[in-house]
Amino acid sequence: MGKRGRGGKGRKEDGGSGKNKRRAQVTMERGSHTGPGSGSIRTGKCARVEPPGSGSADVVVRHKMHGVQSQDEKYWNSMAKKYDQEIYDSFNEALNKEEIVKILDAVANPEHHCIDFGCGVGKYLPALSKRFKSVLGLDLSQSLVDNARNTVVWTGAGRSRQRKLKNVTLGQADLSQPLMLPEKADFACCQNVLLEPQDEAHERILRNICKALKPGGSLMLLVPSLESAIHVGQALPMRMRDAMARCEGSDVILGRLPREGVLTQHFLREHVDKLLRSMGFQLISCTKLEYSWRHEFGESEEPRLARCTPPWDWLILCKLTV
């Protein structure tokens, strides 16, 4: 298999930890400032987040779960150094990435606030920063948040260090646990975060997004397509199809299929529409966001499949109606 995973994250996480049932409140506090890009201050599950502008204090997201780190958090912390090599970047690598830009342009407003749920290393942050008054990027992995801060939000080193995205704030948070955020947002994006093969995990994350949005707020959601997974499976050699079918827990009916040995949720278009409506969202658009065959099988197989319909994820825009 080629490089494939969360476009603002990867292939294993549910955006928080579906495995961790403990409630974790997230609050915004003030912490002492030690200079831009100086790393994280840790107190229990406390992580530094840099506020828009260059104020004299940092905003801090605190989890009331001292010393607890989920398996997913450990996994994504370990992926930070090889993120670009291992994880598919939906914003820059999609074959029809103009579909993402089209949505962002349609919802852009210089007076509105935005939250990127599962921001990863910040691939979407520059585009969001240009279109909204303020952007809050949240991720389960502190290492990925640090990566985003040091490579996307700030540039340079030492005395030459400068802030590129002055209206972006970053924070570490388990998206599947109740969140207490400083203000509600007008727009949210959540790109390939609903990957945990547990319905309740998806519902918890979407419920948090609902609570974080203002009435009438919009959500751009990207999820793996079950229709595409079946399409890809039919292109596999028979031995590989058999191996997928034998993977423990694999269930095509439920959309739970292995990706690189990790059981991952995939969605029928009708399934994700029903899930969003149950959360109070109205579907506005649902588009195929296509990616190259090399992300599934590597470059050696790409010529053989060049004439076939490429694989895709579901790119969805919906509006909160409750």
C-alpha atoms as a PDB file:
ATOM      1  CA  MET A   1       0.000   0.000   0.000  1.00  0.00           C
ATOM      2  CA  GLY A   2       1.123   3.548  -0.689  1.00  0.00           C
ATOM      3  CA  LYS A   3       0.953   6.619   1.500  1.00  0.00           C
ATOM      4  CA  ARG A   4      -2.571   7.110   2.773  1.00  0.00           C
ATOM      5  CA  GLY A   5      -4.204   8.573   5.880  1.00  0.00           C
ATOM      6  CA  ARG A   6      -5.770  11.645   7.429  1.00  0.00           C
ATOM      7  CA  GLY A   7      -5.376  14.736   5.313  1.00  0.00           C
ATOM      8  CA  GLY A   8      -5.306  16.928   8.287  1.00  0.00           C
ATOM      9  CA  LYS A   9      -4.353  13.814  10.152  1.00  0.00           C
ATOM     10  CA  GLY A  10      -3.876  10.138   9.559  1.00  0.00           C
ATOM     11  CA  ARG A  11      -5.337   6.718   9.398  1.00  0.00           C
ATOM     12  CA  LYS A  12      -5.714   5.560  12.965  1.00  0.00           C
ATOM     13  CA  GLU A  13      -7.140   8.288  15.143  1.00  0.00           C
ATOM     14  CA  ASP A  14     -10.762   9.201  15.842  1.00  0.00           C
ATOM     15  CA  GLY A  15      -9.765  12.799  16.499  1.00  0.00           C
ATOM     16  CA  GLY A  16      -9.675  12.054  20.144  1.00  0.00           C
ATOM     17  CA  SER A  17      -9.489   8.631  21.657  1.00  0.00           C
ATOM     18  CA  GLY A  18     -12.548   6.506  21.194  1.00  0.00           C
ATOM     19  CA  LYS A  19     -10.863   3.974  23.461  1.00  0.00           C
ATOM     20  CA  ASN A  20     -10.566   6.393  26.351  1.00  0.00           C
ATOM     21  CA  LYS A  21     -13.932   6.629  28.124  1.00  0.00           C
ATOM     22  CA  ARG A  22     -12.814   9.056  30.820  1.00  0.00           C
ATOM     23  CA  ARG A  23     -14.321  12.534  30.606  1.00  0.00           C
ATOM     24  CA  ALA A  24     -11.791  15.294  30.078  1.00  0.00           C
ATOM     25  CA  GLN A  25     -12.882  18.894  30.457  1.00  0.00           C
ATOM     26  CA  VAL A  26     -10.961  21.399  28.408  1.00  0.00           C
ATOM     27  CA  THR A  27     -10.723  24.965  29.650  1.00  0.00           C
ATOM     28  CA  MET A  28      -8.913  28.013  28.382  1.00  0.00           C
ATOM     29  CA  GLU A  29      -6.540  29.563  30.927  1.00  0.00           C
ATOM     30  CA  ARG A  30      -3.675  32.013  31.032  1.00  0.00           C
ATOM     31  CA  GLY A  31      -0.056  30.897  31.358  1.00  0.00           C
ATOM     32  CA  SER A  32       3.274  32.682  31.611  1.00  0.00           C
ATOM     33  CA  HIS A  33       4.917  33.770  28.390  1.00  0.00           C
ATOM     34  CA  THR A  34       8.463  32.642  27.691  1.00  0.00           C
ATOM     35  CA  GLY A  35       8.817  33.829  24.133  1.00  0.00           C
ATOM     36  CA  PRO A  36       7.531  32.649  20.730  1.00  0.00           C
ATOM     37  CA  GLY A  37       8.064  29.059  19.755  1.00  0.00           C
ATOM     38  CA  SER A  38       9.631  28.148  23.062  1.00  0.00           C
ATOM     39  CA  GLY A  39       7.816  24.834  23.363  1.00  0.00           C
ATOM     40  CA  SER A  40       5.127  23.543  25.706  1.00  0.00           C
ATOM     41  CA  ILE A  41       4.509  24.100  29.360  1.00  0.00           C
ATOM     42  CA  ARG A  42       3.192  20.855  30.853  1.00  0.00           C
ATOM     43  CA  THR A  43       1.135  20.595  34.042  1.00  0.00           C
ATOM     44  CA  GLY A  44      -0.693  17.289  34.061  1.00  0.00           C
ATOM     45  CA  LYS A  45      -2.257  17.430  30.606  1.00  0.00           C
ATOM     46  CA  CYS A  46      -1.522  21.134  30.146  1.00  0.00           C
ATOM     47  CA  ALA A  47      -0.275  22.287  26.758  1.00  0.00           C
ATOM     48  CA  ARG A  48       0.795  25.683  25.454  1.00  0.00           C
ATOM     49  CA  VAL A  49      -1.293  27.297  22.759  1.00  0.00           C
ATOM     50  CA  GLU A  50      -0.204  30.499  21.106  1.00  0.00           C
ATOM     51  CA  PRO A  51      -2.862  33.205  20.765  1.00  0.00           C
ATOM     52  CA  PRO A  52      -3.472  35.430  17.750  1.00  0.00           C
ATOM     53  CA  GLY A  53      -1.037  38.341  17.742  1.00  0.00           C
ATOM     54  CA  SER A  54       2.005  38.556  19.925  1.00  0.00           C
ATOM     55  CA  GLY A  55       0.489  39.274  23.343  1.00  0.00           C
ATOM     56  CA  SER A  56       2.322  38.892  26.614  1.00  0.00           C
ATOM     57  CA  ALA A  57       0.539  35.679  27.626  1.00  0.00           C
ATOM     58  CA  ASP A  58      -0.177  32.288  26.141  1.00  0.00           C
ATOM     59  CA  VAL A  59      -3.563  30.660  26.128  1.00  0.00           C
ATOM     60  CA  VAL A  60      -3.513  27.197  27.649  1.00  0.00           C
ATOM     61  CA  VAL A  61      -5.806  24.242  27.089  1.00  0.00           C
ATOM     62  CA  ARG A  62      -5.957  22.066  30.197  1.00  0.00           C
ATOM     63  CA  HIS A  63      -7.293  18.537  30.355  1.00  0.00           C
ATOM     64  CA  LYS A  64      -8.355  17.346  33.799  1.00  0.00           C
ATOM     65  CA  MET A  65      -6.745  13.946  33.139  1.00  0.00           C
ATOM     66  CA  HIS A  66      -3.348  14.206  34.798  1.00  0.00           C
ATOM     67  CA  GLY A  67      -0.666  12.023  33.269  1.00  0.00           C
ATOM     68  CA  VAL A  68      -3.051   9.989  31.093  1.00  0.00           C
ATOM     69  CA  GLN A  69      -2.076   9.497  27.465  1.00  0.00           C
ATOM     70  CA  SER A  70      -4.228   7.376  25.138  1.00  0.00           C
ATOM     71  CA  GLN A  71      -2.868   4.882  22.617  1.00  0.00           C
ATOM     72  CA  ASP A  72      -3.971   7.150  19.767  1.00  0.00           C
ATOM     73  CA  GLU A  73      -2.180  10.125  21.298  1.00  0.00           C
ATOM     74  CA  LYS A  74       1.027   8.105  21.639  1.00  0.00           C
ATOM     75  CA  TYR A  75       0.656   6.909  18.062  1.00  0.00           C
ATOM     76  CA  TRP A  76       0.284  10.413  16.638  1.00  0.00           C
ATOM     77  CA  ASN A  77       3.065  11.831  18.780  1.00  0.00           C
ATOM     78  CA  SER A  78       5.317   9.142  17.310  1.00  0.00           C
ATOM     79  CA  MET A  79       4.198  10.058  13.764  1.00  0.00           C
ATOM     80  CA  ALA A  80       5.116  13.739  14.046  1.00  0.00           C
ATOM     81  CA  LYS A  81       8.632  13.445  12.580  1.00  0.00           C
ATOM     82  CA  LYS A  82       7.553  11.337   9.578  1.00  0.00           C
ATOM     83  CA  TYR A  83       4.128  12.890   9.035  1.00  0.00           C
ATOM     84  CA  ASP A  84       4.760  14.239   5.536  1.00  0.00           C
ATOM     85  CA  GLN A  85       6.234  10.929   4.373  1.00  0.00           C
ATOM     86  CA  GLU A  86       3.472   8.736   5.815  1.00  0.00           C
ATOM     87  CA  ILE A  87       0.249  10.740   5.792  1.00  0.00           C
ATOM     88  CA  TYR A  88      -1.815  11.727   2.774  1.00  0.00           C
ATOM     89  CA  ASP A  89      -2.280  15.500   2.530  1.00  0.00           C
ATOM     90  CA  SER A  90      -5.820  16.056   1.254  1.00  0.00           C
ATOM     91  CA  PHE A  91      -5.425  19.810   0.839  1.00  0.00           C
ATOM     92  CA  ASN A  92      -2.351  19.675  -1.392  1.00  0.00           C
ATOM     93  CA  GLU A  93      -2.469  16.183  -2.916  1.00  0.00           C
ATOM     94  CA  ALA A  94      -6.119  15.721  -3.899  1.00  0.00           C
ATOM     95  CA  LEU A  95      -6.552  15.503  -7.668  1.00  0.00           C
ATOM     96  CA  ASN A  96      -9.467  17.947  -7.532  1.00  0.00           C
ATOM     97  CA  LYS A  97      -8.362  20.052  -4.557  1.00  0.00           C
ATOM     98  CA  GLU A  98     -10.159  23.015  -6.111  1.00  0.00           C
ATOM     99  CA  GLU A  99     -13.318  21.511  -4.577  1.00  0.00           C
ATOM    100  CA  ILE A 100     -11.916  22.309  -1.116  1.00  0.00           C
ATOM    101  CA  VAL A 101     -10.997  25.844  -2.167  1.00  0.00           C
ATOM    102  CA  LYS A 102     -14.479  26.306  -3.640  1.00  0.00           C
ATOM    103  CA  ILE A 103     -16.102  25.485  -0.281  1.00  0.00           C
ATOM    104  CA  LEU A 104     -13.703  27.683   1.684  1.00  0.00           C
ATOM    105  CA  ASP A 105     -14.316  30.602  -0.659  1.00  0.00           C
ATOM    106  CA  ALA A 106     -18.082  30.149  -0.311  1.00  0.00           C
ATOM    107  CA  VAL A 107     -18.010  30.282   3.515  1.00  0.00           C
ATOM    108  CA  ALA A 108     -15.174  32.827   3.926  1.00  0.00           C
ATOM    109  CA  ASN A 109     -15.937  35.877   6.046  1.00  0.00           C
ATOM    110  CA  PRO A 110     -13.352  38.263   7.568  1.00  0.00           C
ATOM    111  CA  GLU A 111     -15.616  38.751  10.604  1.00  0.00           C
ATOM    112  CA  HIS A 112     -16.140  35.046  11.334  1.00  0.00           C
ATOM    113  CA  HIS A 113     -14.356  32.606  13.615  1.00  0.00           C
ATOM    114  CA  CYS A 114     -13.224  29.119  12.552  1.00  0.00           C
ATOM    115  CA  ILE A 115     -12.126  25.913  14.310  1.00  0.00           C
ATOM    116  CA  ASP A 116     -10.037  23.199  12.653  1.00  0.00           C
ATOM    117  CA  PHE A 117     -10.874  19.975  14.503  1.00  0.00           C
ATOM    118  CA  GLY A 118      -7.887  17.649  14.021  1.00  0.00           C
ATOM    119  CA  CYS A 119      -5.515  20.216  12.519  1.00  0.00           C
ATOM    120  CA  GLY A 120      -2.529  17.836  12.468  1.00  0.00           C
ATOM    121  CA  VAL A 121       0.595  19.662  11.281  1.00  0.00           C
ATOM    122  CA  GLY A 122      -1.494  22.551   9.977  1.00  0.00           C
ATOM    123  CA  LYS A 123      -1.996  21.850   6.276  1.00  0.00           C
ATOM    124  CA  TYR A 124      -5.304  23.756   6.213  1.00  0.00           C
ATOM    125  CA  LEU A 125      -4.283  26.618   8.521  1.00  0.00           C
ATOM    126  CA  PRO A 126      -2.849  29.054   5.897  1.00  0.00           C
ATOM    127  CA  ALA A 127      -5.997  28.785   3.762  1.00  0.00           C
ATOM    128  CA  LEU A 128      -8.254  29.230   6.796  1.00  0.00           C
ATOM    129  CA  SER A 129      -6.188  32.130   8.139  1.00  0.00           C
ATOM    130  CA  LYS A 130      -6.714  34.086   4.900  1.00  0.00           C
ATOM    131  CA  ARG A 131     -10.483  33.657   4.995  1.00  0.00           C
ATOM    132  CA  PHE A 132     -11.475  34.147   8.656  1.00  0.00           C
ATOM    133  CA  LYS A 133     -10.970  36.661  11.430  1.00  0.00           C
ATOM    134  CA  SER A 134      -9.546  34.018  13.765  1.00  0.00           C
ATOM    135  CA  VAL A 135      -8.729  30.320  13.560  1.00  0.00           C
ATOM    136  CA  LEU A 136      -8.382  27.799  16.382  1.00  0.00           C
ATOM    137  CA  GLY A 137      -6.554  24.572  15.481  1.00  0.00           C
ATOM    138  CA  LEU A 138      -7.047  21.603  17.824  1.00  0.00           C
ATOM    139  CA  ASP A 139      -5.399  18.203  17.767  1.00  0.00           C
ATOM    140  CA  LEU A 140      -5.032  15.207  20.057  1.00  0.00           C
ATOM    141  CA  SER A 141      -1.250  15.107  19.558  1.00  0.00           C
ATOM    142  CA  GLN A 142       0.871  17.756  21.255  1.00  0.00           C
ATOM    143  CA  SER A 143       3.760  16.804  18.960  1.00  0.00           C
ATOM    144  CA  LEU A 144       1.676  17.572  15.865  1.00  0.00           C
ATOM    145  CA  VAL A 145       0.508  20.847  17.416  1.00  0.00           C
ATOM    146  CA  ASP A 146       4.146  21.789  18.093  1.00  0.00           C
ATOM    147  CA  ASN A 147       5.003  20.870  14.502  1.00  0.00           C
ATOM    148  CA  ALA A 148       2.201  23.087  13.181  1.00  0.00           C
ATOM    149  CA  ARG A 149       3.310  25.959  15.410  1.00  0.00           C
ATOM    150  CA  ASN A 150       6.974  25.755  14.419  1.00  0.00           C
ATOM    151  CA  THR A 151       6.563  25.236  10.671  1.00  0.00           C
ATOM    152  CA  VAL A 152       3.244  26.875   9.724  1.00  0.00           C
ATOM    153  CA  VAL A 153       2.340  29.538  12.274  1.00  0.00           C
ATOM    154  CA  TRP A 154       5.923  30.734  12.876  1.00  0.00           C
ATOM    155  CA  THR A 155       8.900  30.918  10.527  1.00  0.00           C
ATOM    156  CA  GLY A 156      12.622  31.320  11.034  1.00  0.00           C
ATOM    157  CA  ALA A 157      14.686  30.745  14.177  1.00  0.00           C
ATOM    158  CA  GLY A 158      16.231  32.764  16.952  1.00  0.00           C
ATOM    159  CA  ARG A 159      16.026  36.533  16.549  1.00  0.00           C
ATOM    160  CA  SER A 160      14.817  36.175  12.965  1.00  0.00           C
ATOM    161  CA  ARG A 161      11.770  34.182  14.103  1.00  0.00           C
ATOM    162  CA  GLN A 162       8.504  35.764  12.904  1.00  0.00           C
ATOM    163  CA  ARG A 163       4.836  34.898  13.167  1.00  0.00           C
ATOM    164  CA  LYS A 164       3.314  34.161   9.737  1.00  0.00           C
ATOM    165  CA  LEU A 165      -0.291  33.500  10.766  1.00  0.00           C
ATOM    166  CA  LYS A 166      -1.141  36.138  13.347  1.00  0.00           C
ATOM    167  CA  ASN A 167      -4.800  35.163  13.689  1.00  0.00           C
ATOM    168  CA  VAL A 168      -4.212  31.444  14.387  1.00  0.00           C
ATOM    169  CA  THR A 169      -4.327  29.825  17.842  1.00  0.00           C
ATOM    170  CA  LEU A 170      -3.281  26.213  18.455  1.00  0.00           C
ATOM    171  CA  GLY A 171      -4.197  23.800  21.220  1.00  0.00           C
ATOM    172  CA  GLN A 172      -4.034  20.150  22.252  1.00  0.00           C
ATOM    173  CA  ALA A 173      -7.404  18.524  22.986  1.00  0.00           C
ATOM    174  CA  ASP A 174      -9.118  15.137  22.873  1.00  0.00           C
ATOM    175  CA  LEU A 175     -11.938  15.869  20.444  1.00  0.00           C
ATOM    176  CA  SER A 176     -14.044  12.980  21.699  1.00  0.00           C
ATOM    177  CA  GLN A 177     -14.279  14.488  25.193  1.00  0.00           C
ATOM    178  CA  PRO A 178     -16.345  17.508  26.314  1.00  0.00           C
ATOM    179  CA  LEU A 179     -14.654  20.766  25.333  1.00  0.00           C
ATOM    180  CA  MET A 180     -14.890  24.188  26.942  1.00  0.00           C
ATOM    181  CA  LEU A 181     -13.827  26.693  24.289  1.00  0.00           C
ATOM    182  CA  PRO A 182     -13.406  30.489  24.585  1.00  0.00           C
ATOM    183  CA  GLU A 183     -16.060  31.279  21.953  1.00  0.00           C
ATOM    184  CA  LYS A 184     -18.344  29.618  19.436  1.00  0.00           C
ATOM    185  CA  ALA A 185     -17.323  29.411  15.794  1.00  0.00           C
ATOM    186  CA  ASP A 186     -19.122  30.268  12.561  1.00  0.00           C
ATOM    187  CA  PHE A 187     -17.303  27.566  10.591  1.00  0.00           C
ATOM    188  CA  ALA A 188     -15.555  24.305  11.421  1.00  0.00           C
ATOM    189  CA  CYS A 189     -13.601  21.776   9.394  1.00  0.00           C
ATOM    190  CA  CYS A 190     -12.902  18.183  10.320  1.00  0.00           C
ATOM    191  CA  GLN A 191     -10.775  16.345   7.777  1.00  0.00           C
ATOM    192  CA  ASN A 192     -10.484  12.537   8.008  1.00  0.00           C
ATOM    193  CA  VAL A 193     -10.876  12.472  11.776  1.00  0.00           C
ATOM    194  CA  LEU A 194     -13.885  10.110  12.057  1.00  0.00           C
ATOM    195  CA  LEU A 195     -11.774   6.993  11.531  1.00  0.00           C
ATOM    196  CA  GLU A 196     -12.341   5.010  14.727  1.00  0.00           C
ATOM    197  CA  PRO A 197     -14.572   1.978  13.926  1.00  0.00           C
ATOM    198  CA  GLN A 198     -17.057   2.902  16.666  1.00  0.00           C
ATOM    199  CA  ASP A 199     -20.312   4.760  15.996  1.00  0.00           C
ATOM    200  CA  GLU A 200     -20.318   6.297  19.469  1.00  0.00           C
ATOM    201  CA  ALA A 201     -16.883   7.825  18.867  1.00  0.00           C
ATOM    202  CA  HIS A 202     -18.145   9.600  15.722  1.00  0.00           C
ATOM    203  CA  GLU A 203     -21.204  10.834  17.586  1.00  0.00           C
ATOM    204  CA  ARG A 204     -19.124  12.238  20.453  1.00  0.00           C
ATOM    205  CA  ILE A 205     -16.886  14.194  18.110  1.00  0.00           C
ATOM    206  CA  LEU A 206     -19.782  15.512  16.014  1.00  0.00           C
ATOM    207  CA  ARG A 207     -21.663  16.463  19.175  1.00  0.00           C
ATOM    208  CA  ASN A 208     -18.636  18.495  20.285  1.00  0.00           C
ATOM    209  CA  ILE A 209     -18.527  20.202  16.893  1.00  0.00           C
ATOM    210  CA  CYS A 210     -22.246  21.036  17.174  1.00  0.00           C
ATOM    211  CA  LYS A 211     -21.688  22.598  20.584  1.00  0.00           C
ATOM    212  CA  ALA A 212     -18.727  24.590  19.271  1.00  0.00           C
ATOM    213  CA  LEU A 213     -20.703  26.101  16.357  1.00  0.00           C
ATOM    214  CA  LYS A 214     -23.082  29.028  16.413  1.00  0.00           C
ATOM    215  CA  PRO A 215     -26.660  28.356  15.186  1.00  0.00           C
ATOM    216  CA  GLY A 216     -26.498  28.315  11.401  1.00  0.00           C
ATOM    217  CA  GLY A 217     -22.768  27.599  11.452  1.00  0.00           C
ATOM    218  CA  SER A 218     -21.217  25.444   8.721  1.00  0.00           C
ATOM    219  CA  LEU A 219     -19.044  22.331   8.811  1.00  0.00           C
ATOM    220  CA  MET A 220     -16.722  21.008   6.108  1.00  0.00           C
ATOM    221  CA  LEU A 221     -16.232  17.293   6.743  1.00  0.00           C
ATOM    222  CA  LEU A 222     -13.980  14.793   4.968  1.00  0.00           C
ATOM    223  CA  VAL A 223     -14.518  11.055   5.563  1.00  0.00           C
ATOM    224  CA  PRO A 224     -13.313   7.820   3.892  1.00  0.00           C
ATOM    225  CA  SER A 225     -15.773   6.519   1.316  1.00  0.00           C
ATOM    226  CA  LEU A 226     -17.019   2.926   1.588  1.00  0.00           C
ATOM    227  CA  GLU A 227     -18.051   2.994  -2.083  1.00  0.00           C
ATOM    228  CA  SER A 228     -14.459   3.923  -2.949  1.00  0.00           C
ATOM    229  CA  ALA A 229     -13.030   1.211  -0.678  1.00  0.00           C
ATOM    230  CA  ILE A 230     -15.088  -1.413  -2.508  1.00  0.00           C
ATOM    231  CA  HIS A 231     -13.987   0.068  -5.847  1.00  0.00           C
ATOM    232  CA  VAL A 232     -10.336  -0.132  -4.712  1.00  0.00           C
ATOM    233  CA  GLY A 233     -10.827  -3.661  -3.372  1.00  0.00           C
ATOM    234  CA  GLN A 234     -11.988  -4.850  -6.773  1.00  0.00           C
ATOM    235  CA  ALA A 235      -8.705  -3.601  -8.239  1.00  0.00           C
ATOM    236  CA  LEU A 236      -6.683  -5.637  -5.738  1.00  0.00           C
ATOM    237  CA  PRO A 237      -5.078  -8.978  -6.611  1.00  0.00           C
ATOM    238  CA  MET A 238      -7.125 -11.866  -5.226  1.00  0.00           C
ATOM    239  CA  ARG A 239      -4.582 -12.683  -2.488  1.00  0.00           C
ATOM    240  CA  MET A 240      -4.796  -9.154  -1.143  1.00  0.00           C
ATOM    241  CA  ARG A 241      -8.608  -9.216  -1.210  1.00  0.00           C
ATOM    242  CA  ASP A 242      -8.567 -12.415   0.815  1.00  0.00           C
ATOM    243  CA  ALA A 243      -6.163 -10.897   3.339  1.00  0.00           C
ATOM    244  CA  MET A 244      -8.483  -7.896   3.819  1.00  0.00           C
ATOM    245  CA  ALA A 245     -11.490 -10.150   4.296  1.00  0.00           C
ATOM    246  CA  ARG A 246      -9.654 -12.188   6.940  1.00  0.00           C
ATOM    247  CA  CYS A 247      -8.605  -9.143   8.992  1.00  0.00           C
ATOM    248  CA  GLU A 248     -10.051  -9.477  12.493  1.00  0.00           C
ATOM    249  CA  GLY A 249     -13.043  -7.197  12.964  1.00  0.00           C
ATOM    250  CA  SER A 250     -13.338  -6.422   9.257  1.00  0.00           C
ATOM    251  CA  ASP A 251     -16.990  -5.868   8.284  1.00  0.00           C
ATOM    252  CA  VAL A 252     -17.957  -4.442   4.886  1.00  0.00           C
ATOM    253  CA  ILE A 253     -21.595  -3.985   5.931  1.00  0.00           C
ATOM    254  CA  LEU A 254     -20.517  -1.753   8.840  1.00  0.00           C
ATOM    255  CA  GLY A 255     -17.850  -0.035   6.738  1.00  0.00           C
ATOM    256  CA  ARG A 256     -15.004  -1.255   8.954  1.00  0.00           C
ATOM    257  CA  LEU A 257     -12.079  -2.167   6.730  1.00  0.00           C
ATOM    258  CA  PRO A 258      -8.331  -2.457   7.371  1.00  0.00           C
ATOM    259  CA  ARG A 259      -5.939   0.250   6.207  1.00  0.00           C
ATOM    260  CA  GLU A 260      -2.304  -0.782   6.601  1.00  0.00           C
ATOM    261  CA  GLY A 261      -3.440  -3.277   9.244  1.00  0.00           C
ATOM    262  CA  VAL A 262      -5.497  -0.707  11.184  1.00  0.00           C
ATOM    263  CA  LEU A 263      -9.278  -1.149  11.212  1.00  0.00           C
ATOM    264  CA  THR A 264     -10.740   2.099   9.832  1.00  0.00           C
ATOM    265  CA  GLN A 265     -14.292   3.394   9.443  1.00  0.00           C
ATOM    266  CA  HIS A 266     -15.586   4.042   5.918  1.00  0.00           C
ATOM    267  CA  PHE A 267     -18.899   5.724   5.114  1.00  0.00           C
ATOM    268  CA  LEU A 268     -21.600   5.253   2.528  1.00  0.00           C
ATOM    269  CA  ARG A 269     -22.844   8.595   1.275  1.00  0.00           C
ATOM    270  CA  GLU A 270     -26.312   7.824   2.679  1.00  0.00           C
ATOM    271  CA  HIS A 271     -24.776   6.755   6.014  1.00  0.00           C
ATOM    272  CA  VAL A 272     -22.900   9.982   6.590  1.00  0.00           C
ATOM    273  CA  ASP A 273     -25.937  12.010   5.494  1.00  0.00           C
ATOM    274  CA  LYS A 274     -28.111  10.186   8.051  1.00  0.00           C
ATOM    275  CA  LEU A 275     -25.484  10.629  10.783  1.00  0.00           C
ATOM    276  CA  LEU A 276     -25.202  14.372  10.155  1.00  0.00           C
ATOM    277  CA  ARG A 277     -28.990  14.852  10.085  1.00  0.00           C
ATOM    278  CA  SER A 278     -29.256  13.043  13.433  1.00  0.00           C
ATOM    279  CA  MET A 279     -26.849  15.644  14.852  1.00  0.00           C
ATOM    280  CA  GLY A 280     -28.875  18.583  13.550  1.00  0.00           C
ATOM    281  CA  PHE A 281     -26.973  19.275  10.319  1.00  0.00           C
ATOM    282  CA  GLN A 282     -28.484  19.889   6.899  1.00  0.00           C
ATOM    283  CA  LEU A 283     -26.457  18.564   3.975  1.00  0.00           C
ATOM    284  CA  ILE A 284     -25.569  21.287   1.471  1.00  0.00           C
ATOM    285  CA  SER A 285     -23.176  19.400  -0.807  1.00  0.00           C
ATOM    286  CA  CYS A 286     -21.369  16.061  -1.026  1.00  0.00           C
ATOM    287  CA  THR A 287     -18.487  15.760  -3.496  1.00  0.00           C
ATOM    288  CA  LYS A 288     -15.928  13.126  -4.384  1.00  0.00           C
ATOM    289  CA  LEU A 289     -12.480  14.344  -3.349  1.00  0.00           C
ATOM    290  CA  GLU A 290     -10.272  12.193  -5.556  1.00  0.00           C
ATOM    291  CA  TYR A 291      -6.712  11.083  -4.933  1.00  0.00           C
ATOM    292  CA  SER A 292      -4.105   9.191  -6.931  1.00  0.00           C
ATOM    293  CA  TRP A 293      -3.953   5.404  -7.098  1.00  0.00           C
ATOM    294  CA  ARG A 294      -0.367   5.603  -5.853  1.00  0.00           C
ATOM    295  CA  HIS A 295      -1.706   6.446  -2.393  1.00  0.00           C
ATOM    296  CA  GLU A 296      -3.288   2.979  -2.384  1.00  0.00           C
ATOM    297  CA  PHE A 297      -0.796   0.783  -4.217  1.00  0.00           C
ATOM    298  CA  GLY A 298       2.357   2.833  -4.741  1.00  0.00           C
ATOM    299  CA  GLU A 299       3.716   4.290  -7.967  1.00  0.00           C
ATOM    300  CA  SER A 300       4.389   0.893  -9.605  1.00  0.00           C
ATOM    301  CA  GLU A 301       0.662   0.159  -9.967  1.00  0.00           C
ATOM    302  CA  GLU A 302      -0.412   3.658 -11.002  1.00  0.00           C
ATOM    303  CA  PRO A 303       0.053   3.174 -14.798  1.00  0.00           C
ATOM    304  CA  ARG A 304      -2.059  -0.017 -14.766  1.00  0.00           C
ATOM    305  CA  LEU A 305      -4.961   1.837 -13.131  1.00  0.00           C
ATOM    306  CA  ALA A 306      -4.570   5.192 -14.880  1.00  0.00           C
ATOM    307  CA  ARG A 307      -7.801   4.795 -16.880  1.00  0.00           C
ATOM    308  CA  CYS A 308      -9.853   3.678 -13.898  1.00  0.00           C
ATOM    309  CA  THR A 309     -11.904   6.061 -11.781  1.00  0.00           C
ATOM    310  CA  PRO A 310      -9.516   7.216  -9.028  1.00  0.00           C
ATOM    311  CA  PRO A 311     -10.255   6.504  -5.336  1.00  0.00           C
ATOM    312  CA  TRP A 312     -12.039   9.191  -3.355  1.00  0.00           C
ATOM    313  CA  ASP A 313     -13.138  10.458   0.045  1.00  0.00           C
ATOM    314  CA  TRP A 314     -16.459  12.185   0.685  1.00  0.00           C
ATOM    315  CA  LEU A 315     -16.088  15.965   0.955  1.00  0.00           C
ATOM    316  CA  ILE A 316     -19.172  17.353   2.665  1.00  0.00           C
ATOM    317  CA  LEU A 317     -20.484  20.818   3.454  1.00  0.00           C
ATOM    318  CA  CYS A 318     -23.358  20.983   5.915  1.00  0.00           C
ATOM    319  CA  LYS A 319     -25.132  23.591   8.021  1.00  0.00           C
ATOM    320  CA  LEU A 320     -26.202  23.421  11.657  1.00  0.00           C
ATOM    321  CA  THR A 321     -29.973  23.883  11.864  1.00  0.00           C
ATOM    322  CA  VAL A 322     -30.549  23.492  15.623  1.00  0.00           C
END
